[in-house]
Protein backbone atom coordinates (compact mmCIF):
# COMPACT_ATOMS: atom_id res chain seq x y z
CA UNK A 1 50.47 38.60 58.30
CA UNK A 2 48.77 35.72 60.09
CA UNK A 3 50.71 33.52 62.48
CA UNK A 4 52.11 30.19 61.27
CA UNK A 5 49.49 27.46 61.42
CA UNK A 6 50.08 24.11 63.04
CA UNK A 7 50.15 22.46 59.59
CA UNK A 8 53.09 24.64 58.53
CA UNK A 9 54.88 24.00 61.81
CA UNK A 10 54.37 20.24 61.51
CA UNK A 11 55.54 20.28 57.89
CA UNK A 12 58.66 22.29 58.75
CA UNK A 13 59.41 20.06 61.74
CA UNK A 14 58.99 16.93 59.61
CA UNK A 15 61.21 18.26 56.81
CA UNK A 16 63.93 19.40 59.22
CA UNK A 17 63.84 16.11 61.16
CA UNK A 18 63.94 13.90 58.04
CA UNK A 19 66.71 15.92 56.41
CA UNK A 20 68.72 15.92 59.66
CA UNK A 21 68.43 12.11 59.95
CA UNK A 22 69.24 11.64 56.28
CA UNK A 23 72.27 13.96 56.51
CA UNK A 24 73.60 12.09 59.54
CA UNK A 25 73.00 8.77 57.78
CA UNK A 26 74.70 10.11 54.63
CA UNK A 27 77.74 11.34 56.57
CA UNK A 28 78.04 7.97 58.30
CA UNK A 29 77.65 6.12 55.00
CA UNK A 30 80.19 8.43 53.31
CA UNK A 31 82.93 7.77 55.87
CA UNK A 32 82.20 4.02 55.85
CA UNK A 33 82.44 3.91 52.05
CA UNK A 34 85.55 6.11 52.11
CA UNK A 35 87.31 3.66 54.43
CA UNK A 36 86.31 0.80 52.14
CA UNK A 37 87.65 2.61 49.07
CA UNK A 38 90.90 3.47 50.83
CA UNK A 39 91.36 -0.20 51.82
CA UNK A 40 90.56 -1.24 48.23
CA UNK A 41 93.16 1.24 46.91
CA UNK A 42 95.78 -0.10 49.32
CA UNK A 43 94.98 -3.70 48.33
CA UNK A 44 95.23 -2.86 44.62
CA UNK A 45 98.57 -1.11 45.22
CA UNK A 46 99.97 -4.15 47.05
CA UNK A 47 98.74 -6.50 44.33
CA UNK A 48 100.38 -4.29 41.66
CA UNK A 49 103.62 -4.21 43.63
CA UNK A 50 103.67 -7.99 44.04
CA UNK A 51 102.95 -8.41 40.32
CA UNK A 52 105.90 -6.11 39.47
CA UNK A 53 108.25 -8.15 41.67
CA UNK A 54 107.06 -11.38 40.05
CA UNK A 55 107.28 -10.06 36.45
CA UNK A 56 110.68 -8.29 36.90
CA UNK A 57 112.69 -11.00 38.73
CA UNK A 58 113.67 -13.01 35.61
CA UNK A 59 114.37 -10.03 33.25
CA UNK A 60 116.55 -8.36 35.88
CA UNK A 61 118.41 -11.60 36.57
CA UNK A 62 119.09 -11.93 32.85
CA UNK A 63 119.88 -8.19 32.48
CA UNK A 64 117.13 -7.99 29.83
CA UNK A 65 116.54 -4.22 29.98
CA UNK A 66 114.14 -4.30 27.03
CA UNK A 67 111.85 -6.73 28.83
CA UNK A 68 112.14 -4.66 32.03
CA UNK A 69 111.06 -1.51 30.19
CA UNK A 70 108.19 -3.42 28.56
CA UNK A 71 106.94 -4.58 31.96
CA UNK A 72 107.27 -1.03 33.36
CA UNK A 73 105.45 0.48 30.37
CA UNK A 74 102.63 -2.02 30.76
CA UNK A 75 102.16 -1.34 34.49
CA UNK A 76 102.47 2.46 34.05
CA UNK A 77 99.25 2.38 32.03
CA UNK A 78 97.34 1.89 35.27
CA UNK A 79 95.54 5.15 36.13
CA UNK A 80 96.65 5.29 39.74
CA UNK A 81 100.42 4.54 39.10
CA UNK A 82 102.57 7.67 39.40
CA UNK A 83 106.09 6.29 38.96
CA UNK A 84 108.18 3.07 39.07
CA UNK A 85 111.93 3.19 39.88
CA UNK A 86 114.26 0.16 39.52
CA UNK A 87 117.68 -0.27 41.21
CA UNK A 88 120.25 -3.03 40.85
CA UNK A 89 121.62 -5.32 43.58
CA UNK A 90 124.09 -2.58 44.56
CA UNK A 91 121.36 0.05 44.96
CA UNK A 92 122.25 1.92 41.80
CA UNK A 93 119.58 3.26 39.44
CA UNK A 94 118.73 0.76 36.77
CA UNK A 95 115.53 1.94 35.09
CA UNK A 96 112.35 3.91 35.80
CA UNK A 97 109.28 5.64 34.42
CA UNK A 98 106.99 8.45 35.62
CA UNK A 99 103.86 10.38 34.59
CA UNK A 100 103.48 14.13 34.25
CA UNK A 101 100.38 16.09 35.24
CA UNK A 102 98.78 15.36 31.86
CA UNK A 103 99.21 11.56 32.20
CA UNK A 104 102.08 11.26 29.69
CA UNK A 105 104.69 8.55 30.49
CA UNK A 106 108.39 9.51 30.57
CA UNK A 107 111.53 7.43 31.13
CA UNK A 108 113.77 8.26 34.05
CA UNK A 109 117.54 8.29 34.08
CA UNK A 110 120.13 8.19 36.87
CA UNK A 111 120.46 11.96 36.68
CA UNK A 112 116.69 12.60 36.69
CA UNK A 113 115.20 14.43 39.69
CA UNK A 114 112.64 12.04 41.17
CA UNK A 115 111.71 14.36 44.02
CA UNK A 116 108.75 15.72 42.07
CA UNK A 117 107.39 12.26 41.43
CA UNK A 118 107.82 11.24 45.03
CA UNK A 119 105.86 14.24 46.16
CA UNK A 120 102.91 13.01 44.05
CA UNK A 121 102.78 9.68 45.89
CA UNK A 122 99.65 8.87 47.82
CA UNK A 123 101.26 5.53 48.82
CA UNK A 124 104.86 4.36 48.17
CA UNK A 125 105.71 0.68 48.13
CA UNK A 126 109.32 -0.57 47.96
CA UNK A 127 110.85 -4.07 48.08
CA UNK A 128 113.88 -6.10 46.99
CA UNK A 129 113.64 -8.49 44.03
CA UNK A 130 115.04 -12.02 44.31
CA UNK A 131 115.41 -14.74 41.71
CA UNK A 132 115.31 -18.45 42.46
CA UNK A 133 113.56 -20.76 44.88
CA UNK A 134 113.43 -20.44 48.63
CA UNK A 135 116.54 -22.47 49.25
CA UNK A 136 118.69 -20.66 46.73
CA UNK A 137 117.65 -17.04 46.09
CA UNK A 138 119.76 -14.39 44.36
CA UNK A 139 119.24 -10.61 44.95
CA UNK A 140 118.83 -9.02 41.54
CA UNK A 141 117.63 -5.49 42.55
CA UNK A 142 114.77 -3.51 44.07
CA UNK A 143 111.63 -1.71 42.88
CA UNK A 144 109.88 1.45 44.29
CA UNK A 145 106.21 1.95 43.31
CA UNK A 146 104.36 5.28 43.79
CA UNK A 147 100.55 5.23 43.63
CA UNK A 148 98.47 8.47 43.37
CA UNK A 149 95.02 9.13 44.92
CA UNK A 150 93.45 10.22 41.59
CA UNK A 151 91.28 7.13 41.29
CA UNK A 152 90.33 7.34 44.97
CA UNK A 153 89.37 11.03 44.68
CA UNK A 154 87.34 10.37 41.54
CA UNK A 155 85.52 7.55 43.30
CA UNK A 156 84.91 9.72 46.39
CA UNK A 157 83.57 12.58 44.23
CA UNK A 158 81.23 10.22 42.44
CA UNK A 159 80.21 8.80 45.83
CA UNK A 160 79.40 12.26 47.19
CA UNK A 161 77.27 13.17 44.16
CA UNK A 162 75.40 9.86 44.27
CA UNK A 163 74.80 10.01 48.02
CA UNK A 164 73.61 13.64 47.92
CA UNK A 165 71.16 12.81 45.13
CA UNK A 166 69.93 9.68 46.89
CA UNK A 167 69.67 11.51 50.23
CA UNK A 168 67.60 14.35 48.71
CA UNK A 169 65.27 12.01 46.79
CA UNK A 170 64.73 9.67 49.75
CA UNK A 171 64.29 12.65 52.12
CA UNK A 172 61.66 14.19 49.83
CA UNK A 173 59.66 10.96 49.65
CA UNK A 174 60.01 10.42 53.40
CA UNK A 175 58.87 14.01 54.06
CA UNK A 176 55.84 13.60 51.80
CA UNK A 177 54.94 10.32 53.45
CA UNK A 178 55.45 11.72 56.94
CA UNK A 179 53.48 14.90 56.18
CA UNK A 180 50.59 12.92 54.70
CA UNK A 181 50.62 10.56 57.69
CA UNK A 182 50.64 13.47 60.14
CA UNK A 183 47.85 15.16 58.17
CA UNK A 184 45.45 12.22 58.32
CA UNK A 185 46.49 10.87 61.72
CA UNK A 186 47.06 14.09 63.71
CA UNK A 187 46.44 17.32 61.80
CA UNK A 188 43.01 16.52 60.30
CA UNK A 189 41.46 15.66 63.71
CA UNK A 190 43.04 18.81 65.20
CA UNK A 191 41.56 20.94 62.38
CA UNK A 192 38.10 19.42 63.00
CA UNK A 193 38.35 20.37 66.68
CA UNK A 194 39.76 23.81 65.79
CA UNK A 195 36.86 24.59 63.43
CA UNK A 196 34.36 23.63 66.12
CA UNK A 197 36.16 25.81 68.69
CA UNK A 198 36.34 28.71 66.19
CA UNK A 199 32.58 28.57 65.55
CA UNK A 200 31.97 28.39 69.29
CA UNK A 201 34.21 31.44 69.81
CA UNK A 202 32.03 33.31 67.26
CA UNK A 203 29.07 32.77 69.64
CA UNK A 204 27.70 29.76 67.78
CA UNK A 205 26.97 27.89 71.02
CA UNK A 206 25.40 25.02 69.07
CA UNK A 207 28.77 24.19 67.50
CA UNK A 208 30.01 20.65 68.21
CA UNK A 209 33.05 18.66 67.14
CA UNK A 210 32.30 15.85 64.68
CA UNK A 211 35.49 13.93 65.50
CA UNK A 212 34.67 10.36 66.55
CA UNK A 213 38.15 8.82 66.62
CA UNK A 214 39.73 7.27 69.69
CA UNK A 215 42.84 8.30 71.59
CA UNK A 216 43.68 11.63 73.22
CA UNK A 217 42.19 13.73 70.38
CA UNK A 218 38.92 11.79 70.57
CA UNK A 219 38.80 12.42 74.33
CA UNK A 220 39.57 16.11 73.71
CA UNK A 221 36.67 16.26 71.20
CA UNK A 222 34.29 14.64 73.71
CA UNK A 223 35.41 17.02 76.49
CA UNK A 224 34.88 20.02 74.19
CA UNK A 225 31.36 18.85 73.22
CA UNK A 226 30.52 18.34 76.89
CA UNK A 227 31.85 21.80 77.78
CA UNK A 228 29.94 23.37 74.86
CA UNK A 229 26.67 21.78 76.00
CA UNK A 230 27.22 23.07 79.54
CA UNK A 231 28.01 26.61 78.35
CA UNK A 232 25.03 26.62 75.98
CA UNK A 233 22.77 25.53 78.84
CA UNK A 234 24.14 28.29 81.09
CA UNK A 235 23.79 30.84 78.26
CA UNK A 236 20.15 29.92 77.59
CA UNK A 237 19.40 30.05 81.30
CA UNK A 238 21.10 33.44 81.67
CA UNK A 239 19.27 34.86 78.65
CA UNK A 240 15.94 33.67 80.01
CA UNK A 241 16.74 35.16 83.42
CA UNK A 242 17.61 38.51 81.83
CA UNK A 243 14.35 38.54 79.87
CA UNK A 244 12.37 37.79 83.04
CA UNK A 245 14.19 40.48 85.02
CA UNK A 246 13.65 42.98 82.21
CA UNK A 247 9.94 42.17 82.08
CA UNK A 248 9.73 42.65 85.86
CA UNK A 249 11.57 45.96 85.58
CA UNK A 250 9.23 47.22 82.84
CA UNK A 251 6.20 46.12 84.86
CA UNK A 252 7.49 47.90 87.97
CA UNK A 253 8.11 51.07 85.98
CA UNK A 254 4.58 50.93 84.61
CA UNK A 255 3.24 50.52 88.15
CA UNK A 256 5.29 53.51 89.33
CA UNK A 257 3.96 55.66 86.50
CA UNK A 258 0.35 54.58 87.15
CA UNK A 259 0.69 55.43 90.86
CA UNK A 260 1.55 59.09 90.20
CA UNK A 261 -0.81 61.54 91.78
CA UNK A 262 -3.11 63.10 89.22
CA UNK A 263 -3.65 66.25 91.27
CA UNK A 264 0.01 67.48 91.30
CA UNK A 265 0.63 70.98 90.05
CA UNK A 266 1.77 71.39 86.42
CA UNK A 267 5.33 72.50 87.24
CA UNK A 268 5.77 69.81 89.87
CA UNK A 269 4.35 67.13 87.53
CA UNK A 270 6.66 68.17 84.66
CA UNK A 271 9.74 68.10 86.92
CA UNK A 272 8.81 64.69 88.32
CA UNK A 273 8.10 63.44 84.81
CA UNK A 274 11.59 64.42 83.63
CA UNK A 275 13.16 62.66 86.63
CA UNK A 276 11.17 59.48 85.99
CA UNK A 277 11.97 59.69 82.27
CA UNK A 278 15.71 59.86 82.94
CA UNK A 279 15.53 56.96 85.40
CA UNK A 280 13.47 54.91 82.93
CA UNK A 281 15.89 55.63 80.08
CA UNK A 282 18.85 54.66 82.28
CA UNK A 283 17.24 51.37 83.36
CA UNK A 284 16.14 50.52 79.84
CA UNK A 285 19.60 51.34 78.47
CA UNK A 286 21.23 49.05 81.05
CA UNK A 287 18.81 46.21 80.33
CA UNK A 288 19.04 46.61 76.57
CA UNK A 289 22.84 46.95 76.73
CA UNK A 290 23.11 43.55 78.47
CA UNK A 291 20.73 41.78 76.06
CA UNK A 292 21.39 43.45 72.69
CA UNK A 293 24.93 44.82 72.87
CA UNK A 294 25.64 43.90 69.25
CA UNK A 295 22.52 45.74 67.94
CA UNK A 296 22.95 49.15 69.53
CA UNK A 297 21.15 51.17 66.87
CA UNK A 298 18.06 48.93 66.96
CA UNK A 299 18.09 49.08 70.77
CA UNK A 300 18.12 52.87 70.68
CA UNK A 301 15.09 52.80 68.41
CA UNK A 302 13.21 50.38 70.69
CA UNK A 303 14.19 52.39 73.73
CA UNK A 304 12.95 55.61 72.13
CA UNK A 305 9.65 53.97 71.21
CA UNK A 306 9.25 52.57 74.74
CA UNK A 307 9.94 55.93 76.33
CA UNK A 308 7.50 57.61 73.95
CA UNK A 309 4.82 55.06 74.81
CA UNK A 310 5.37 55.46 78.56
CA UNK A 311 5.40 59.26 78.38
CA UNK A 312 2.18 59.43 76.34
CA UNK A 313 0.02 58.20 79.26
CA UNK A 314 1.00 60.83 81.87
CA UNK A 315 1.18 63.55 79.17
CA UNK A 316 -2.38 62.65 78.15
CA UNK A 317 -3.93 63.00 81.59
CA UNK A 318 -1.80 66.08 82.44
CA UNK A 319 -2.99 67.75 79.23
CA UNK A 320 -6.58 66.73 79.99
CA UNK A 321 -6.37 67.98 83.61
CA UNK A 322 -4.83 71.30 82.55
CA UNK A 323 -7.60 71.77 79.96
CA UNK A 324 -10.23 71.05 82.62
CA UNK A 325 -8.40 73.31 85.10
CA UNK A 326 -8.30 76.10 82.50
CA UNK A 327 -12.09 75.93 82.03
CA UNK A 328 -12.71 75.73 85.78
CA UNK A 329 -10.43 78.71 86.49
CA UNK A 330 -12.19 80.68 83.77
CA UNK A 331 -15.55 79.85 85.39
CA UNK A 332 -14.16 80.73 88.82
CA UNK A 333 -12.88 84.09 87.56
CA UNK A 334 -16.31 84.72 86.04
CA UNK A 335 -17.91 84.07 89.44
CA UNK A 336 -15.38 86.43 91.08
CA UNK A 337 -16.21 89.07 88.48
CA UNK A 338 -19.92 88.70 89.34
CA UNK A 339 -19.09 89.08 93.03
CA UNK A 340 -17.06 92.20 92.27
CA UNK A 341 -20.03 93.71 90.44
CA UNK A 342 -22.12 93.09 93.56
CA UNK A 343 -19.81 95.12 95.82
CA UNK A 344 -21.85 98.29 95.14
CA UNK A 345 -24.82 96.58 96.75
CA UNK A 346 -22.85 96.35 99.99
CA UNK A 347 -22.32 100.10 100.34
CA UNK A 348 -24.17 100.03 103.63
CA UNK A 349 -21.91 97.31 105.03
CA UNK A 350 -18.64 99.11 105.45
CA UNK A 351 -17.09 96.46 107.65
CA UNK A 352 -17.90 93.75 105.06
CA UNK A 353 -16.54 95.89 102.22
CA UNK A 354 -13.34 96.49 104.21
CA UNK A 355 -12.92 92.79 104.82
CA UNK A 356 -13.40 92.06 101.10
CA UNK A 357 -10.93 94.80 100.20
CA UNK A 358 -8.29 93.44 102.58
CA UNK A 359 -8.82 89.89 101.27
CA UNK A 360 -8.42 91.08 97.65
CA UNK A 361 -5.30 93.05 98.59
CA UNK A 362 -3.76 90.14 100.48
CA UNK A 363 -4.43 87.73 97.56
CA UNK A 364 -3.36 90.36 94.97
CA UNK A 365 -6.51 89.45 93.05
CA UNK A 366 -5.81 91.68 90.07
CA UNK A 367 -2.40 90.12 89.48
CA UNK A 368 -3.79 86.63 90.12
CA UNK A 369 -6.54 87.06 87.52
CA UNK A 370 -4.00 87.90 84.81
CA UNK A 371 -1.17 85.54 85.88
CA UNK A 372 -3.17 82.36 86.52
CA UNK A 373 -4.35 82.21 82.92
CA UNK A 374 -0.78 82.84 81.71
CA UNK A 375 0.54 80.01 83.91
CA UNK A 376 -2.05 77.58 82.59
CA UNK A 377 -1.30 78.59 78.97
CA UNK A 378 2.45 78.13 79.49
CA UNK A 379 1.88 74.71 81.10
CA UNK A 380 -0.31 73.61 78.18
CA UNK A 381 2.35 74.84 75.74
CA UNK A 382 5.01 72.84 77.63
CA UNK A 383 2.85 69.71 77.49
CA UNK A 384 2.38 70.22 73.73
CA UNK A 385 6.14 70.54 73.25
CA UNK A 386 6.75 67.32 75.20
CA UNK A 387 4.04 65.59 73.14
CA UNK A 388 5.70 66.79 69.93
CA UNK A 389 9.05 65.38 71.09
CA UNK A 390 7.33 62.07 71.91
CA UNK A 391 5.69 62.01 68.47
CA UNK A 392 9.11 62.63 66.86
CA UNK A 393 10.64 59.79 68.88
CA UNK A 394 7.83 57.41 67.86
CA UNK A 395 8.01 58.49 64.23
CA UNK A 396 11.82 58.11 64.24
CA UNK A 397 11.93 54.66 65.83
CA UNK A 398 8.76 53.17 64.25
CA UNK A 399 9.44 49.98 66.24
CA UNK A 400 5.75 49.16 66.36
CA UNK A 401 5.81 49.14 62.54
CA UNK A 402 9.30 47.70 61.93
CA UNK A 403 8.03 45.88 58.85
CA UNK A 404 7.50 46.81 55.23
CA UNK A 405 4.73 49.37 54.89
CA UNK A 406 4.04 52.63 53.09
CA UNK A 407 5.71 55.70 54.64
CA UNK A 408 6.61 59.24 53.68
CA UNK A 409 10.38 59.80 53.51
CA UNK A 410 10.10 63.57 54.03
CA UNK A 411 8.14 63.07 57.24
CA UNK A 412 10.77 60.61 58.48
CA UNK A 413 13.52 63.09 57.56
CA UNK A 414 11.74 65.82 59.57
CA UNK A 415 11.40 63.52 62.60
CA UNK A 416 15.07 62.57 62.46
CA UNK A 417 16.07 66.21 62.07
CA UNK A 418 14.12 67.06 65.24
CA UNK A 419 15.93 64.26 67.09
CA UNK A 420 19.42 65.62 66.23
CA UNK A 421 18.44 69.28 66.13
CA UNK A 422 20.18 70.05 69.41
CA UNK A 423 23.50 69.01 67.82
CA UNK A 424 22.95 70.75 64.49
CA UNK A 425 21.45 74.09 65.50
CA UNK A 426 24.70 75.50 66.90
CA UNK A 427 26.77 74.59 63.82
CA UNK A 428 24.60 74.91 60.72
CA UNK A 429 21.62 76.53 59.11
CA UNK A 430 19.23 73.96 57.62
CA UNK A 431 17.76 74.64 54.17
CA UNK A 432 14.86 72.46 53.03
CA UNK A 433 14.11 71.90 49.34
CA UNK A 434 11.31 69.32 49.42
CA UNK A 435 9.61 68.10 46.25
CA UNK A 436 6.60 66.47 47.99
CA UNK A 437 7.61 62.81 47.74
CA UNK A 438 4.95 60.14 47.30
CA UNK A 439 4.71 57.41 49.95
CA UNK A 440 6.80 54.30 49.22
CA UNK A 441 6.91 50.84 50.79
CA UNK A 442 9.91 50.52 53.11
CA UNK A 443 11.02 49.82 56.69
CA UNK A 444 10.75 53.38 57.96
CA UNK A 445 12.78 52.92 61.16
CA UNK A 446 15.77 51.66 59.19
CA UNK A 447 15.60 54.52 56.69
CA UNK A 448 15.48 56.93 59.65
CA UNK A 449 18.71 55.34 60.94
CA UNK A 450 20.30 56.20 57.58
CA UNK A 451 19.14 59.82 57.91
CA UNK A 452 20.50 59.94 61.47
CA UNK A 453 24.00 58.83 60.44
CA UNK A 454 24.11 61.21 57.45
CA UNK A 455 22.89 64.22 59.47
CA UNK A 456 25.34 63.59 62.33
CA UNK A 457 28.22 63.17 59.86
CA UNK A 458 27.22 66.40 58.10
CA UNK A 459 27.26 68.23 61.44
CA UNK A 460 30.68 66.81 62.33
CA UNK A 461 32.10 67.79 58.93
CA UNK A 462 31.31 71.48 59.60
CA UNK A 463 34.05 72.89 61.80
CA UNK A 464 32.62 76.33 62.64
CA UNK A 465 29.39 77.49 60.97
CA UNK A 466 27.90 76.28 57.74
CA UNK A 467 24.83 75.10 55.86
CA UNK A 468 23.07 71.74 55.61
CA UNK A 469 20.67 71.39 52.68
CA UNK A 470 17.93 68.74 52.66
CA UNK A 471 16.76 68.10 49.11
CA UNK A 472 14.25 65.55 47.72
CA UNK A 473 13.01 64.52 44.29
CA UNK A 474 11.36 61.69 42.37
CA UNK A 475 10.50 60.33 38.95
CA UNK A 476 8.34 57.47 37.68
CA UNK A 477 10.62 54.74 39.10
CA UNK A 478 12.59 56.19 42.02
CA UNK A 479 12.58 58.70 44.86
CA UNK A 480 15.72 60.26 46.28
CA UNK A 481 16.84 62.27 49.31
CA UNK A 482 20.03 64.37 49.36
CA UNK A 483 21.85 65.65 52.46
CA UNK A 484 24.44 68.25 51.49
CA UNK A 485 26.87 70.03 53.83
CA UNK A 486 29.43 72.83 53.40
CA UNK A 487 32.03 71.04 55.55
CA UNK A 488 35.64 70.15 54.95
CA UNK A 489 34.88 67.43 52.37
CA UNK A 490 36.46 64.02 51.79
CA UNK A 491 39.87 63.48 50.21
CA UNK A 492 39.80 61.69 46.81
CA UNK A 493 41.91 58.78 48.11
CA UNK A 494 39.35 58.22 50.92
CA UNK A 495 36.19 58.65 48.81
CA UNK A 496 36.17 55.03 47.60
CA UNK A 497 36.48 53.63 51.16
CA UNK A 498 33.86 55.60 53.10
CA UNK A 499 31.42 52.65 53.10
CA UNK A 500 34.02 50.11 54.30
CA UNK A 501 33.41 48.78 57.84
CA UNK A 502 35.70 50.34 60.50
CA UNK A 503 37.13 52.91 58.07
CA UNK A 504 37.01 56.43 59.50
CA UNK A 505 38.91 59.69 59.02
CA UNK A 506 37.96 60.92 62.49
CA UNK A 507 40.55 60.97 65.30
CA UNK A 508 40.92 57.93 67.55
CA UNK A 509 37.99 57.73 69.98
CA UNK A 510 35.76 60.02 67.85
CA UNK A 511 34.31 57.45 65.47
CA UNK A 512 33.95 53.68 64.96
CA UNK A 513 33.73 53.62 61.17
CA UNK A 514 30.44 51.68 61.26
CA UNK A 515 27.83 54.42 60.64
CA UNK A 516 28.14 54.71 56.86
CA UNK A 517 28.71 50.97 56.51
CA UNK A 518 25.42 50.25 58.32
CA UNK A 519 23.63 52.92 56.30
CA UNK A 520 24.96 51.41 53.06
CA UNK A 521 23.76 47.96 54.12
CA UNK A 522 20.25 49.25 54.93
CA UNK A 523 19.94 51.00 51.55
CA UNK A 524 21.20 47.86 49.77
CA UNK A 525 18.58 45.72 51.53
CA UNK A 526 15.95 48.16 50.19
CA UNK A 527 17.40 47.58 46.67
CA UNK A 528 18.44 51.22 46.50
CA UNK A 529 21.71 53.15 46.12
CA UNK A 530 23.76 55.30 48.49
CA UNK A 531 25.98 57.63 46.43
CA UNK A 532 28.49 60.26 47.54
CA UNK A 533 30.28 63.11 45.85
CA UNK A 534 32.65 65.49 47.60
CA UNK A 535 35.19 68.26 47.12
CA UNK A 536 37.82 69.10 49.70
CA UNK A 537 37.08 72.35 51.60
CA UNK A 538 33.77 72.73 49.70
CA UNK A 539 31.48 70.05 51.08
CA UNK A 540 29.90 66.64 50.60
CA UNK A 541 26.61 65.36 49.19
CA UNK A 542 25.10 61.97 50.10
CA UNK A 543 22.12 60.80 47.99
CA UNK A 544 19.78 58.00 49.09
CA UNK A 545 17.89 56.57 46.09
CA UNK A 546 15.06 54.06 46.63
CA UNK A 547 12.67 52.36 44.19
CA UNK A 548 9.05 53.55 44.34
CA UNK A 549 7.82 49.94 44.05
CA UNK A 550 9.11 47.32 46.47
CA UNK A 551 11.46 44.75 44.92
CA UNK A 552 10.56 41.31 46.28
CA UNK A 553 13.10 38.45 46.37
CA UNK A 554 13.13 34.94 47.79
CA UNK A 555 15.50 35.99 50.59
CA UNK A 556 13.54 39.04 51.54
CA UNK A 557 11.71 38.91 54.85
């Protein structure tokens, strides 16, 4: 799972911040509105109480109980009134009404238990009732009013629902507005710079940021473009320096090879040649590794072709010199044979014959005559073997002809087999079933790379000793090459993934998972097919199928 992007982080931060502010604002608004509602409830209760005193003073003065009960019944209809209790001027119960939990109104009597009603009071208001003007007032009784918090609670509940809904709706719109503002003002410029940095990190040194805005992000974009130009300049300079140093190295190696003494003995020349070959391979590998690290397989092919080209020159004059030496030694031995036939003519010169005899004995002439020819023949055979290896290297790499041209696939398969023979010969017997393929137009060096990967994989699949079968065939439209092994096979669940990049069933450190993927890509570029069939513990068969006629497309090089 990829890490959270900056857009997600900004969105989450915006949402959390807006909702936090809106919640705090809602809580503040709730408590402010609650205080207002409580004050409104208290004011309504006081107004109701004052109205009761005003409406009950005359009926109580006149002892008009019917009117008193009518006033009480009227006021008890208010939703927030719980009970009203009337007492006379002596404090005795006069009249009263209360509501039960269902809102039904009941009359109270002197013997009624009013404790339950009092316990339902949110606010209790009590006061004496007087009749008359200020100068002459008569106490006629008292009234106790109990008010519940039902209306207040209902209003608070409605307030909570309304405020939550408003808070959520406003927060959502604020979040959307804030996120869109951050996207166009901050995030979009950052993404432009990020894309430029990402392309630059993928070795696209020509990548530049297109951001032209002002502010800190604009300065960051300008600094990045300036840094990218500097790095690109350094990279181009370094690459040019490496090419020049490599050219100097190749030139020096050519000079060293040209300065070799032609007259060295065959054994000494071959030993020196192997030393120079190893040094040349090491230097070329180092140079190619620095310049073309991402194209290792192509570098190996170029290196092999370069080595083959460099070896051909000394091998040519060594072979020529040994051929000349062979003829000259043969002529020299013929002269010696003539001299030996003339020894009978020196029968009168005993001292001369004795000197000749001692010289022949000291030089072991008989052994020399037989061994010198054998040495020359063995040296010529060694030179031929080296030349054959060089020819296989050139035929395998085909760097000098790394373009589309007609080639024989069986010949390329033989060259590749000779290259990896040292790894195969100890593990498998190779069976060849060639059908005599016609030449087809292809890039031979790339097809040889496919053979190399398939042959090495076949060798690795065989744990002890087995068989590798090379089989070819063709029809009117296609040619095909099969490489079959008797190794451990591929599990069915892995068979569909063998051509995926970086997928490998080998232990860690034993394989990169790129060989078959590269081979598959090469065959695809040739408009062919790379098929596989396998059975566990029985073996695997890879078939490379290519069209006999080249398929040309607009994208093809």
